[in-house]
Amino acid sequence: MNDYLPDAVTKGLQDARKHSLARGKRLCVHDGDNVYRIHRFWQDGMALDETICDKLRGRVDIYDGARHLYQALIIGSQVTGGETLVSFKWLHPVRDSAPLDFAPDVAAPAGLLARP
């Protein structure tokens, strides 16, 4: 097998990979009916497009595609380097099941077999 590729092909493959990664970013913020894409995300905040500076305040929902991940309370934002950096007061993961009102028994059997 030939492991050498011309520079133009290598550059084209790298550009296609970057485009695929950029397209694969599915994190977004839902503020009512408005949806904004997230460029970067960390525990205390996130980076959005520069044009969203004053539009986003209060409680928002953060999704990964159709899956609801977090609820957050936004306390402030600032424009830096072409991005809006947003700060969270709190960030809570969303549960996909109801909370339990009892401690589950760890040693409980996974299932019971009926006697024949």
Protein backbone atom coordinates (compact mmCIF):
# COMPACT_ATOMS: atom_id res chain seq x y z
CA MET A 1 0.00 0.00 0.00
CA ASN A 2 1.30 3.44 -0.82
CA ASP A 3 1.47 5.67 2.31
CA TYR A 4 2.59 8.80 0.51
CA LEU A 5 -0.06 11.28 -0.54
CA PRO A 6 0.52 14.51 -2.45
CA ASP A 7 0.32 17.72 -0.43
CA ALA A 8 -2.87 18.84 -2.17
CA VAL A 9 -4.65 15.59 -1.26
CA THR A 10 -3.42 15.76 2.35
CA LYS A 11 -4.60 19.37 2.66
CA GLY A 12 -7.97 18.43 1.15
CA LEU A 13 -8.39 15.58 3.63
CA GLN A 14 -7.52 17.87 6.55
CA ASP A 15 -9.98 20.51 5.36
CA ALA A 16 -12.72 17.89 4.99
CA ARG A 17 -12.01 16.64 8.52
CA LYS A 18 -12.23 20.18 9.95
CA HIS A 19 -15.48 20.78 8.08
CA SER A 20 -16.90 17.50 9.39
CA LEU A 21 -15.96 18.38 12.98
CA ALA A 22 -17.48 21.86 12.68
CA ARG A 23 -20.68 20.40 11.26
CA GLY A 24 -20.81 17.82 14.03
CA LYS A 25 -21.06 20.41 16.81
CA ARG A 26 -24.56 19.84 18.01
CA LEU A 27 -24.53 21.71 21.32
CA CYS A 28 -27.04 24.54 21.31
CA VAL A 29 -28.84 26.86 23.72
CA HIS A 30 -32.62 27.15 23.70
CA ASP A 31 -34.00 30.43 25.02
CA GLY A 32 -37.74 30.16 24.52
CA ASP A 33 -38.22 29.78 20.76
CA ASN A 34 -34.70 31.01 19.91
CA VAL A 35 -31.86 28.52 19.32
CA TYR A 36 -28.17 29.49 19.36
CA ARG A 37 -25.18 27.26 18.51
CA ILE A 38 -22.46 26.84 21.15
CA HIS A 39 -18.87 27.23 19.93
CA ARG A 40 -17.17 26.14 23.16
CA PHE A 41 -18.54 24.91 26.47
CA TRP A 42 -17.01 24.62 29.97
CA GLN A 43 -18.30 24.22 33.53
CA ASP A 44 -18.61 27.96 34.30
CA GLY A 45 -19.74 29.24 30.90
CA MET A 46 -19.78 28.95 27.15
CA ALA A 47 -18.83 30.81 23.98
CA LEU A 48 -21.44 31.78 21.40
CA ASP A 49 -21.52 33.84 18.21
CA GLU A 50 -20.66 37.53 18.61
CA THR A 51 -24.11 38.76 17.54
CA ILE A 52 -25.88 37.22 20.57
CA CYS A 53 -24.36 39.48 23.25
CA ASP A 54 -27.43 41.16 24.78
CA LYS A 55 -30.11 38.71 23.71
CA LEU A 56 -29.37 35.93 26.21
CA ARG A 57 -30.28 36.36 29.89
CA GLY A 58 -31.87 34.26 32.63
CA ARG A 59 -32.63 30.54 32.61
CA VAL A 60 -31.80 28.64 29.44
CA ASP A 61 -31.76 25.00 28.34
CA ILE A 62 -28.70 23.37 26.75
CA TYR A 63 -29.22 20.55 24.26
CA ASP A 64 -27.01 18.12 22.36
CA GLY A 65 -29.10 17.65 19.25
CA ALA A 66 -32.47 16.51 20.60
CA ARG A 67 -31.15 15.36 23.99
CA HIS A 68 -31.70 17.80 26.87
CA LEU A 69 -28.44 18.02 28.87
CA TYR A 70 -28.48 21.01 31.24
CA GLN A 71 -30.45 23.91 32.63
CA ALA A 72 -28.39 27.01 33.35
CA LEU A 73 -28.85 30.49 34.78
CA ILE A 74 -26.92 33.12 32.81
CA ILE A 75 -25.67 36.07 34.85
CA GLY A 76 -23.50 37.96 32.39
CA SER A 77 -21.85 38.06 28.99
CA GLN A 78 -19.05 39.92 27.27
CA VAL A 79 -17.75 40.09 23.71
CA THR A 80 -14.12 39.00 23.35
CA GLY A 81 -12.30 38.05 20.17
CA GLY A 82 -15.38 37.71 17.98
CA GLU A 83 -17.23 35.52 20.50
CA THR A 84 -19.72 36.20 23.25
CA LEU A 85 -18.46 34.65 26.49
CA VAL A 86 -21.38 33.79 28.78
CA SER A 87 -21.06 33.13 32.53
CA PHE A 88 -23.30 30.77 34.50
CA LYS A 89 -24.53 31.28 38.05
CA TRP A 90 -25.56 27.64 38.17
CA LEU A 91 -25.54 24.69 35.80
CA HIS A 92 -27.63 21.60 36.59
CA PRO A 93 -27.75 18.35 34.62
CA VAL A 94 -31.22 17.28 33.59
CA ARG A 95 -32.34 13.84 34.76
CA ASP A 96 -33.97 11.49 32.31
CA SER A 97 -35.84 9.67 35.09
CA ALA A 98 -37.76 10.73 38.16
CA PRO A 99 -35.77 11.05 41.40
CA LEU A 100 -36.15 8.18 43.86
CA ASP A 101 -37.61 8.77 47.32
CA PHE A 102 -35.76 5.76 48.76
CA ALA A 103 -32.25 4.35 48.74
CA PRO A 104 -32.00 1.50 46.22
CA ASP A 105 -30.80 -1.84 47.57
CA VAL A 106 -27.48 -2.59 45.92
CA ALA A 107 -27.62 -6.32 46.69
CA ALA A 108 -31.10 -6.81 45.23
CA PRO A 109 -31.35 -9.43 42.48
CA ALA A 110 -31.72 -8.19 38.92
CA GLY A 111 -34.70 -10.49 38.38
CA LEU A 112 -36.50 -13.50 39.80
CA LEU A 113 -36.99 -16.83 38.08
CA ALA A 114 -40.34 -18.54 38.51
CA ARG A 115 -40.44 -22.16 39.65
CA PRO A 116 -41.58 -24.64 37.00
